Amino acid sequence: MQLLVQYIEHMKPDDALLYGLRRKPLINKQMNYVINKVCEHLGWIKVEYKNPEDRGQTKGKRKRKGEKLVHKTEKHFTPHGLRYTLSTLFHEMGVSDDAIRFLLGHSRYELGALQHYILSDAKYIKEIRAAQVIIETLFETAMELESNYNITLNLEEIYDEIPNVFRNQLKNKNYINLFKEHLVKYAFTALQQKILKESGNNYSDYFTFKAPELYNQIVMAQQGYFAHAPIPYQQTHGMNPMPYDLTHSVPLYPPTHIHMGK
């Protein structure tokens, strides 16, 4: 306690007592502000002002809004909670521990003096970007399907395949387009199975989400993914069972599209 008292002796009210990003209080304050604004935009924080003193007489920045009241909902999250959540998601996805430490601003103690000689962080940045775009695409697609088509993705089932998605994304940056396409088709396949079940037709209710594979990366041009063959579960004629994860699936990138010279 005595050390704590000495530590805060010359501090001002606005000084940060705890540092989350390697003693960078300004960055922490900026992160707090951004997180609060995101929660406010989503409606997870409601800000009200009580009894304004000037009653609208003053305009611009000098306008007094009165006492600020902040109401936090159950969905509200803190910057510290966000760091915990992202670290856990990335770790389970397969992001290396060093890349997560880099993201959090932590030192790489296991490298010892070697860390002073390694000046390139491109490897960690590549991993973080791959994980970031996967999480963003998954949640964005889920929100689009739910808001526009009232279809809810089984995120728990999809998340089991995320490590495979992450490995493929590291191999090809355009893989994310194929991943989103499969998410949409998986969602509508689930809806189709639900309709068949309710109508009393024969159906197979066993299908799971499987991460699409990279068969022929040459076909995945730099400008984006191009589909060359129909997905097996699109073939619905005859009302045959349609398992999503067929044992003998048709390759998404058939080798016939590779021109072999003499």
C-alpha atoms as a PDB file:
ATOM      1  CA  MET A   1       0.000   0.000   0.000  1.00  0.00           C
ATOM      2  CA  GLN A   2       2.880   2.342   0.791  1.00  0.00           C
ATOM      3  CA  LEU A   3       4.337   1.838  -2.686  1.00  0.00           C
ATOM      4  CA  LEU A   4       0.947   2.573  -4.249  1.00  0.00           C
ATOM      5  CA  VAL A   5       0.629   5.809  -2.263  1.00  0.00           C
ATOM      6  CA  GLN A   6       4.087   6.890  -3.413  1.00  0.00           C
ATOM      7  CA  TYR A   7       3.231   6.016  -6.998  1.00  0.00           C
ATOM      8  CA  ILE A   8       0.108   8.188  -7.133  1.00  0.00           C
ATOM      9  CA  GLU A   9       1.496  11.022  -5.001  1.00  0.00           C
ATOM     10  CA  HIS A  10       2.178  13.425  -7.887  1.00  0.00           C
ATOM     11  CA  MET A  11      -0.549  12.190 -10.200  1.00  0.00           C
ATOM     12  CA  LYS A  12      -3.313  14.395 -11.521  1.00  0.00           C
ATOM     13  CA  PRO A  13      -6.979  13.299 -11.642  1.00  0.00           C
ATOM     14  CA  ASP A  14      -6.762  12.600 -15.386  1.00  0.00           C
ATOM     15  CA  ASP A  15      -3.584  10.499 -15.191  1.00  0.00           C
ATOM     16  CA  ALA A  16      -3.961   6.793 -15.920  1.00  0.00           C
ATOM     17  CA  LEU A  17      -3.333   4.491 -12.970  1.00  0.00           C
ATOM     18  CA  LEU A  18      -3.366   1.232 -14.937  1.00  0.00           C
ATOM     19  CA  TYR A  19      -1.851   0.825 -18.391  1.00  0.00           C
ATOM     20  CA  GLY A  20      -3.191  -1.748 -20.837  1.00  0.00           C
ATOM     21  CA  LEU A  21      -0.933  -0.945 -23.797  1.00  0.00           C
ATOM     22  CA  ARG A  22       2.609  -0.836 -22.447  1.00  0.00           C
ATOM     23  CA  ARG A  23       2.289   2.405 -20.482  1.00  0.00           C
ATOM     24  CA  LYS A  24       0.463   4.346 -23.187  1.00  0.00           C
ATOM     25  CA  PRO A  25      -2.320   6.206 -21.360  1.00  0.00           C
ATOM     26  CA  LEU A  26      -3.223   8.368 -24.379  1.00  0.00           C
ATOM     27  CA  ILE A  27      -3.818   5.323 -26.574  1.00  0.00           C
ATOM     28  CA  ASN A  28      -5.853   3.730 -23.801  1.00  0.00           C
ATOM     29  CA  LYS A  29      -8.046   6.827 -23.524  1.00  0.00           C
ATOM     30  CA  GLN A  30      -8.518   6.884 -27.287  1.00  0.00           C
ATOM     31  CA  MET A  31      -9.466   3.198 -27.235  1.00  0.00           C
ATOM     32  CA  ASN A  32     -11.966   3.834 -24.437  1.00  0.00           C
ATOM     33  CA  TYR A  33     -13.515   6.640 -26.483  1.00  0.00           C
ATOM     34  CA  VAL A  34     -13.744   4.535 -29.665  1.00  0.00           C
ATOM     35  CA  ILE A  35     -15.275   1.552 -27.840  1.00  0.00           C
ATOM     36  CA  ASN A  36     -17.845   3.752 -26.101  1.00  0.00           C
ATOM     37  CA  LYS A  37     -18.789   5.386 -29.411  1.00  0.00           C
ATOM     38  CA  VAL A  38     -19.209   1.971 -31.053  1.00  0.00           C
ATOM     39  CA  CYS A  39     -21.452   0.801 -28.203  1.00  0.00           C
ATOM     40  CA  GLU A  40     -23.404   4.062 -28.368  1.00  0.00           C
ATOM     41  CA  HIS A  41     -23.886   3.699 -32.143  1.00  0.00           C
ATOM     42  CA  LEU A  42     -25.146   0.125 -31.710  1.00  0.00           C
ATOM     43  CA  GLY A  43     -27.513   1.183 -28.945  1.00  0.00           C
ATOM     44  CA  TRP A  44     -25.622  -0.765 -26.289  1.00  0.00           C
ATOM     45  CA  ILE A  45     -24.966   2.495 -24.430  1.00  0.00           C
ATOM     46  CA  LYS A  46     -27.555   5.228 -24.097  1.00  0.00           C
ATOM     47  CA  VAL A  47     -26.342   8.719 -23.227  1.00  0.00           C
ATOM     48  CA  GLU A  48     -28.723  11.357 -21.902  1.00  0.00           C
ATOM     49  CA  TYR A  49     -28.242  14.849 -20.517  1.00  0.00           C
ATOM     50  CA  LYS A  50     -30.230  16.019 -17.525  1.00  0.00           C
ATOM     51  CA  ASN A  51     -31.149  19.622 -16.705  1.00  0.00           C
ATOM     52  CA  PRO A  52     -29.079  21.606 -19.249  1.00  0.00           C
ATOM     53  CA  GLU A  53     -27.905  24.828 -17.604  1.00  0.00           C
ATOM     54  CA  ASP A  54     -28.101  27.201 -20.585  1.00  0.00           C
ATOM     55  CA  ARG A  55     -31.391  25.761 -21.975  1.00  0.00           C
ATOM     56  CA  GLY A  56     -30.180  26.089 -25.567  1.00  0.00           C
ATOM     57  CA  GLN A  57     -29.004  29.697 -25.320  1.00  0.00           C
ATOM     58  CA  THR A  58     -25.349  28.923 -26.064  1.00  0.00           C
ATOM     59  CA  LYS A  59     -24.325  27.397 -29.393  1.00  0.00           C
ATOM     60  CA  GLY A  60     -21.246  25.560 -30.637  1.00  0.00           C
ATOM     61  CA  LYS A  61     -18.571  23.937 -28.510  1.00  0.00           C
ATOM     62  CA  ARG A  62     -19.324  26.154 -25.512  1.00  0.00           C
ATOM     63  CA  LYS A  63     -22.859  24.823 -25.275  1.00  0.00           C
ATOM     64  CA  ARG A  64     -23.516  23.204 -21.900  1.00  0.00           C
ATOM     65  CA  LYS A  65     -25.435  19.974 -22.105  1.00  0.00           C
ATOM     66  CA  GLY A  66     -26.013  19.483 -18.392  1.00  0.00           C
ATOM     67  CA  GLU A  67     -25.409  16.380 -16.298  1.00  0.00           C
ATOM     68  CA  LYS A  68     -24.391  13.385 -18.404  1.00  0.00           C
ATOM     69  CA  LEU A  69     -26.245  10.124 -17.696  1.00  0.00           C
ATOM     70  CA  VAL A  70     -24.919   6.884 -19.195  1.00  0.00           C
ATOM     71  CA  HIS A  71     -27.120   3.784 -19.299  1.00  0.00           C
ATOM     72  CA  LYS A  72     -25.272   0.554 -20.183  1.00  0.00           C
ATOM     73  CA  THR A  73     -27.121  -2.491 -21.524  1.00  0.00           C
ATOM     74  CA  GLU A  74     -26.115  -6.144 -21.156  1.00  0.00           C
ATOM     75  CA  LYS A  75     -24.356  -6.037 -24.538  1.00  0.00           C
ATOM     76  CA  HIS A  76     -22.014  -3.229 -23.501  1.00  0.00           C
ATOM     77  CA  PHE A  77     -18.344  -4.226 -23.482  1.00  0.00           C
ATOM     78  CA  THR A  78     -15.169  -2.578 -22.232  1.00  0.00           C
ATOM     79  CA  PRO A  79     -11.827  -2.172 -24.043  1.00  0.00           C
ATOM     80  CA  HIS A  80     -10.267  -4.639 -21.604  1.00  0.00           C
ATOM     81  CA  GLY A  81     -13.031  -7.125 -22.322  1.00  0.00           C
ATOM     82  CA  LEU A  82     -12.494  -6.628 -26.053  1.00  0.00           C
ATOM     83  CA  ARG A  83      -8.793  -7.450 -25.685  1.00  0.00           C
ATOM     84  CA  TYR A  84      -9.627 -10.620 -23.762  1.00  0.00           C
ATOM     85  CA  THR A  85     -12.235 -11.655 -26.337  1.00  0.00           C
ATOM     86  CA  LEU A  86     -10.053 -11.013 -29.389  1.00  0.00           C
ATOM     87  CA  SER A  87      -7.092 -12.784 -27.806  1.00  0.00           C
ATOM     88  CA  THR A  88      -9.228 -15.838 -27.050  1.00  0.00           C
ATOM     89  CA  LEU A  89     -10.828 -15.905 -30.516  1.00  0.00           C
ATOM     90  CA  PHE A  90      -7.491 -15.537 -32.286  1.00  0.00           C
ATOM     91  CA  HIS A  91      -5.827 -18.180 -30.097  1.00  0.00           C
ATOM     92  CA  GLU A  92      -8.582 -20.730 -30.784  1.00  0.00           C
ATOM     93  CA  MET A  93      -8.443 -19.829 -34.471  1.00  0.00           C
ATOM     94  CA  GLY A  94      -4.765 -20.730 -34.659  1.00  0.00           C
ATOM     95  CA  VAL A  95      -3.029 -17.346 -34.540  1.00  0.00           C
ATOM     96  CA  SER A  96       0.444 -17.743 -33.042  1.00  0.00           C
ATOM     97  CA  ASP A  97       1.069 -16.568 -29.495  1.00  0.00           C
ATOM     98  CA  ASP A  98       3.730 -14.130 -30.689  1.00  0.00           C
ATOM     99  CA  ALA A  99       1.267 -12.515 -33.107  1.00  0.00           C
ATOM    100  CA  ILE A 100      -1.264 -12.112 -30.278  1.00  0.00           C
ATOM    101  CA  ARG A 101       1.428 -10.563 -28.079  1.00  0.00           C
ATOM    102  CA  PHE A 102       2.251  -8.195 -30.925  1.00  0.00           C
ATOM    103  CA  LEU A 103      -1.422  -7.247 -31.238  1.00  0.00           C
ATOM    104  CA  LEU A 104      -1.702  -6.543 -27.506  1.00  0.00           C
ATOM    105  CA  GLY A 105       1.564  -4.619 -27.410  1.00  0.00           C
ATOM    106  CA  HIS A 106       3.312  -7.122 -25.149  1.00  0.00           C
ATOM    107  CA  SER A 107       6.999  -7.950 -25.236  1.00  0.00           C
ATOM    108  CA  ARG A 108       8.215 -11.245 -26.645  1.00  0.00           C
ATOM    109  CA  TYR A 109      10.120 -12.383 -23.575  1.00  0.00           C
ATOM    110  CA  GLU A 110      10.767 -15.896 -24.881  1.00  0.00           C
ATOM    111  CA  LEU A 111      13.039 -14.443 -27.571  1.00  0.00           C
ATOM    112  CA  GLY A 112      15.367 -12.874 -25.031  1.00  0.00           C
ATOM    113  CA  ALA A 113      17.927 -10.549 -26.596  1.00  0.00           C
ATOM    114  CA  LEU A 114      16.998 -11.882 -30.042  1.00  0.00           C
ATOM    115  CA  GLN A 115      13.914  -9.657 -30.194  1.00  0.00           C
ATOM    116  CA  HIS A 116      16.177  -6.603 -30.585  1.00  0.00           C
ATOM    117  CA  TYR A 117      17.569  -8.058 -33.838  1.00  0.00           C
ATOM    118  CA  ILE A 118      14.229  -8.986 -35.423  1.00  0.00           C
ATOM    119  CA  LEU A 119      12.957  -5.776 -36.997  1.00  0.00           C
ATOM    120  CA  SER A 120      10.239  -7.166 -39.261  1.00  0.00           C
ATOM    121  CA  ASP A 121       6.742  -7.721 -37.878  1.00  0.00           C
ATOM    122  CA  ALA A 122       5.254  -8.638 -41.270  1.00  0.00           C
ATOM    123  CA  LYS A 123       4.658 -12.249 -40.193  1.00  0.00           C
ATOM    124  CA  TYR A 124       2.554 -11.189 -37.208  1.00  0.00           C
ATOM    125  CA  ILE A 125       0.699  -8.536 -39.184  1.00  0.00           C
ATOM    126  CA  LYS A 126      -0.215 -11.113 -41.848  1.00  0.00           C
ATOM    127  CA  GLU A 127      -1.663 -13.450 -39.212  1.00  0.00           C
ATOM    128  CA  ILE A 128      -3.610 -10.673 -37.500  1.00  0.00           C
ATOM    129  CA  ARG A 129      -5.046  -9.380 -40.782  1.00  0.00           C
ATOM    130  CA  ALA A 130      -6.112 -12.878 -41.813  1.00  0.00           C
ATOM    131  CA  ALA A 131      -7.844 -13.467 -38.477  1.00  0.00           C
ATOM    132  CA  GLN A 132      -9.417 -10.014 -38.535  1.00  0.00           C
ATOM    133  CA  VAL A 133     -10.954 -10.359 -41.999  1.00  0.00           C
ATOM    134  CA  ILE A 134     -12.372 -13.785 -41.092  1.00  0.00           C
ATOM    135  CA  ILE A 135     -14.074 -12.498 -37.934  1.00  0.00           C
ATOM    136  CA  GLU A 136     -15.386  -9.414 -39.749  1.00  0.00           C
ATOM    137  CA  THR A 137     -16.720 -11.457 -42.684  1.00  0.00           C
ATOM    138  CA  LEU A 138     -18.386 -14.013 -40.414  1.00  0.00           C
ATOM    139  CA  PHE A 139     -20.190 -11.452 -38.253  1.00  0.00           C
ATOM    140  CA  GLU A 140     -21.028  -9.150 -41.167  1.00  0.00           C
ATOM    141  CA  THR A 141     -22.552 -12.023 -43.160  1.00  0.00           C
ATOM    142  CA  ALA A 142     -24.464 -13.262 -40.121  1.00  0.00           C
ATOM    143  CA  MET A 143     -25.941  -9.789 -39.534  1.00  0.00           C
ATOM    144  CA  GLU A 144     -26.854  -9.384 -43.217  1.00  0.00           C
ATOM    145  CA  LEU A 145     -28.634 -12.742 -43.338  1.00  0.00           C
ATOM    146  CA  GLU A 146     -30.499 -12.090 -40.109  1.00  0.00           C
ATOM    147  CA  SER A 147     -31.571  -8.516 -40.888  1.00  0.00           C
ATOM    148  CA  ASN A 148     -32.403  -8.982 -44.585  1.00  0.00           C
ATOM    149  CA  TYR A 149     -33.627 -12.596 -44.762  1.00  0.00           C
ATOM    150  CA  ASN A 150     -34.408 -13.507 -41.147  1.00  0.00           C
ATOM    151  CA  ILE A 151     -31.926 -16.394 -41.331  1.00  0.00           C
ATOM    152  CA  THR A 152     -29.792 -17.160 -38.288  1.00  0.00           C
ATOM    153  CA  LEU A 153     -26.422 -18.809 -38.810  1.00  0.00           C
ATOM    154  CA  ASN A 154     -25.280 -21.562 -36.477  1.00  0.00           C
ATOM    155  CA  LEU A 155     -22.156 -19.690 -35.363  1.00  0.00           C
ATOM    156  CA  GLU A 156     -21.119 -22.399 -32.913  1.00  0.00           C
ATOM    157  CA  GLU A 157     -20.982 -25.001 -35.678  1.00  0.00           C
ATOM    158  CA  ILE A 158     -19.205 -22.646 -38.059  1.00  0.00           C
ATOM    159  CA  TYR A 159     -16.661 -21.660 -35.435  1.00  0.00           C
ATOM    160  CA  ASP A 160     -15.469 -25.268 -35.176  1.00  0.00           C
ATOM    161  CA  GLU A 161     -14.180 -24.908 -38.747  1.00  0.00           C
ATOM    162  CA  ILE A 162     -12.584 -21.484 -38.271  1.00  0.00           C
ATOM    163  CA  PRO A 163      -9.063 -22.906 -37.691  1.00  0.00           C
ATOM    164  CA  ASN A 164      -9.215 -24.503 -41.165  1.00  0.00           C
ATOM    165  CA  VAL A 165     -10.520 -21.245 -42.626  1.00  0.00           C
ATOM    166  CA  PHE A 166      -7.620 -19.388 -41.008  1.00  0.00           C
ATOM    167  CA  ARG A 167      -5.003 -21.754 -42.453  1.00  0.00           C
ATOM    168  CA  ASN A 168      -6.458 -21.415 -45.952  1.00  0.00           C
ATOM    169  CA  GLN A 169      -6.697 -17.630 -45.651  1.00  0.00           C
ATOM    170  CA  LEU A 170      -2.979 -17.481 -44.843  1.00  0.00           C
ATOM    171  CA  LYS A 171      -2.279 -19.406 -48.050  1.00  0.00           C
ATOM    172  CA  ASN A 172      -4.401 -17.188 -50.296  1.00  0.00           C
ATOM    173  CA  LYS A 173      -5.736 -13.734 -49.432  1.00  0.00           C
ATOM    174  CA  ASN A 174      -8.690 -14.159 -51.818  1.00  0.00           C
ATOM    175  CA  TYR A 175      -9.919 -17.239 -49.972  1.00  0.00           C
ATOM    176  CA  ILE A 176     -12.194 -15.003 -47.886  1.00  0.00           C
ATOM    177  CA  ASN A 177     -14.515 -14.574 -50.890  1.00  0.00           C
ATOM    178  CA  LEU A 178     -14.971 -18.341 -51.110  1.00  0.00           C
ATOM    179  CA  PHE A 179     -15.582 -18.499 -47.366  1.00  0.00           C
ATOM    180  CA  LYS A 180     -18.366 -15.903 -47.542  1.00  0.00           C
ATOM    181  CA  GLU A 181     -19.953 -17.673 -50.517  1.00  0.00           C
ATOM    182  CA  HIS A 182     -20.067 -20.908 -48.528  1.00  0.00           C
ATOM    183  CA  LEU A 183     -21.577 -19.129 -45.527  1.00  0.00           C
ATOM    184  CA  VAL A 184     -24.448 -17.842 -47.656  1.00  0.00           C
ATOM    185  CA  LYS A 185     -25.057 -21.200 -49.358  1.00  0.00           C
ATOM    186  CA  TYR A 186     -24.878 -22.993 -46.023  1.00  0.00           C
ATOM    187  CA  ALA A 187     -27.501 -20.618 -44.591  1.00  0.00           C
ATOM    188  CA  PHE A 188     -29.930 -21.119 -47.465  1.00  0.00           C
ATOM    189  CA  THR A 189     -29.361 -24.885 -47.426  1.00  0.00           C
ATOM    190  CA  ALA A 190     -30.379 -24.882 -43.762  1.00  0.00           C
ATOM    191  CA  LEU A 191     -33.475 -22.859 -44.655  1.00  0.00           C
ATOM    192  CA  GLN A 192     -34.312 -25.285 -47.462  1.00  0.00           C
ATOM    193  CA  GLN A 193     -34.027 -28.247 -45.097  1.00  0.00           C
ATOM    194  CA  LYS A 194     -36.340 -26.495 -42.659  1.00  0.00           C
ATOM    195  CA  ILE A 195     -38.950 -25.935 -45.389  1.00  0.00           C
ATOM    196  CA  LEU A 196     -38.727 -29.582 -46.499  1.00  0.00           C
ATOM    197  CA  LYS A 197     -39.165 -30.753 -42.933  1.00  0.00           C
ATOM    198  CA  GLU A 198     -42.227 -28.589 -42.379  1.00  0.00           C
ATOM    199  CA  SER A 199     -43.788 -29.697 -45.697  1.00  0.00           C
ATOM    200  CA  GLY A 200     -43.390 -33.379 -44.831  1.00  0.00           C
ATOM    201  CA  ASN A 201     -41.101 -34.257 -47.753  1.00  0.00           C
ATOM    202  CA  ASN A 202     -38.198 -36.657 -47.474  1.00  0.00           C
ATOM    203  CA  TYR A 203     -35.089 -34.866 -46.397  1.00  0.00           C
ATOM    204  CA  SER A 204     -31.775 -35.343 -44.654  1.00  0.00           C
ATOM    205  CA  ASP A 205     -31.386 -33.167 -41.599  1.00  0.00           C
ATOM    206  CA  TYR A 206     -27.710 -34.071 -41.181  1.00  0.00           C
ATOM    207  CA  PHE A 207     -25.378 -31.560 -42.705  1.00  0.00           C
ATOM    208  CA  THR A 208     -22.619 -29.542 -41.124  1.00  0.00           C
ATOM    209  CA  PHE A 209     -20.558 -26.568 -42.166  1.00  0.00           C
ATOM    210  CA  LYS A 210     -17.184 -27.476 -43.609  1.00  0.00           C
ATOM    211  CA  ALA A 211     -14.512 -24.974 -44.535  1.00  0.00           C
ATOM    212  CA  PRO A 212     -14.085 -24.886 -48.336  1.00  0.00           C
ATOM    213  CA  GLU A 213     -10.788 -26.355 -49.498  1.00  0.00           C
ATOM    214  CA  LEU A 214      -8.113 -24.895 -51.714  1.00  0.00           C
ATOM    215  CA  TYR A 215      -7.835 -27.354 -54.592  1.00  0.00           C
ATOM    216  CA  ASN A 216      -6.133 -25.277 -57.251  1.00  0.00           C
ATOM    217  CA  GLN A 217      -4.879 -21.910 -56.120  1.00  0.00           C
ATOM    218  CA  ILE A 218      -3.857 -20.954 -59.668  1.00  0.00           C
ATOM    219  CA  VAL A 219      -7.512 -20.433 -60.533  1.00  0.00           C
ATOM    220  CA  MET A 220      -7.895 -17.979 -57.657  1.00  0.00           C
ATOM    221  CA  ALA A 221      -6.712 -14.917 -59.535  1.00  0.00           C
ATOM    222  CA  GLN A 222      -5.273 -11.938 -57.708  1.00  0.00           C
ATOM    223  CA  GLN A 223      -8.311  -9.807 -58.416  1.00  0.00           C
ATOM    224  CA  GLY A 224     -10.636 -12.216 -56.636  1.00  0.00           C
ATOM    225  CA  TYR A 225     -12.224 -15.654 -56.494  1.00  0.00           C
ATOM    226  CA  PHE A 226     -13.951 -17.120 -59.548  1.00  0.00           C
ATOM    227  CA  ALA A 227     -16.257 -20.108 -59.186  1.00  0.00           C
ATOM    228  CA  HIS A 228     -15.812 -22.669 -61.988  1.00  0.00           C
ATOM    229  CA  ALA A 229     -17.934 -25.604 -60.838  1.00  0.00           C
ATOM    230  CA  PRO A 230     -21.294 -25.970 -59.101  1.00  0.00           C
ATOM    231  CA  ILE A 231     -21.267 -26.814 -55.413  1.00  0.00           C
ATOM    232  CA  PRO A 232     -22.542 -30.369 -54.751  1.00  0.00           C
ATOM    233  CA  TYR A 233     -25.333 -29.332 -52.414  1.00  0.00           C
ATOM    234  CA  GLN A 234     -26.772 -27.092 -55.118  1.00  0.00           C
ATOM    235  CA  GLN A 235     -27.883 -30.199 -57.018  1.00  0.00           C
ATOM    236  CA  THR A 236     -31.332 -30.613 -55.508  1.00  0.00           C
ATOM    237  CA  HIS A 237     -33.251 -32.378 -58.312  1.00  0.00           C
ATOM    238  CA  GLY A 238     -35.083 -35.520 -57.226  1.00  0.00           C
ATOM    239  CA  MET A 239     -35.230 -34.402 -53.587  1.00  0.00           C
ATOM    240  CA  ASN A 240     -32.334 -36.693 -52.700  1.00  0.00           C
ATOM    241  CA  PRO A 241     -30.606 -36.303 -49.335  1.00  0.00           C
ATOM    242  CA  MET A 242     -28.317 -33.297 -49.453  1.00  0.00           C
ATOM    243  CA  PRO A 243     -25.551 -33.598 -46.860  1.00  0.00           C
ATOM    244  CA  TYR A 244     -23.426 -30.472 -46.859  1.00  0.00           C
ATOM    245  CA  ASP A 245     -20.194 -32.346 -46.185  1.00  0.00           C
ATOM    246  CA  LEU A 246     -20.306 -34.932 -48.972  1.00  0.00           C
ATOM    247  CA  THR A 247     -17.609 -37.574 -48.809  1.00  0.00           C
ATOM    248  CA  HIS A 248     -16.876 -37.390 -52.543  1.00  0.00           C
ATOM    249  CA  SER A 249     -17.308 -33.721 -53.258  1.00  0.00           C
ATOM    250  CA  VAL A 250     -16.763 -32.118 -56.633  1.00  0.00           C
ATOM    251  CA  PRO A 251     -13.563 -30.027 -56.563  1.00  0.00           C
ATOM    252  CA  LEU A 252     -14.233 -26.319 -56.603  1.00  0.00           C
ATOM    253  CA  TYR A 253     -11.197 -25.830 -58.798  1.00  0.00           C
ATOM    254  CA  PRO A 254     -11.131 -28.665 -61.378  1.00  0.00           C
ATOM    255  CA  PRO A 255      -7.675 -29.378 -62.847  1.00  0.00           C
ATOM    256  CA  THR A 256      -9.079 -29.013 -66.387  1.00  0.00           C
ATOM    257  CA  HIS A 257      -8.671 -25.269 -66.001  1.00  0.00           C
ATOM    258  CA  ILE A 258      -4.886 -25.566 -65.817  1.00  0.00           C
ATOM    259  CA  HIS A 259      -3.264 -25.426 -69.222  1.00  0.00           C
ATOM    260  CA  MET A 260      -0.307 -27.809 -69.340  1.00  0.00           C
ATOM    261  CA  GLY A 261       2.154 -26.938 -72.076  1.00  0.00           C
ATOM    262  CA  LYS A 262       4.232 -29.450 -73.961  1.00  0.00           C
END
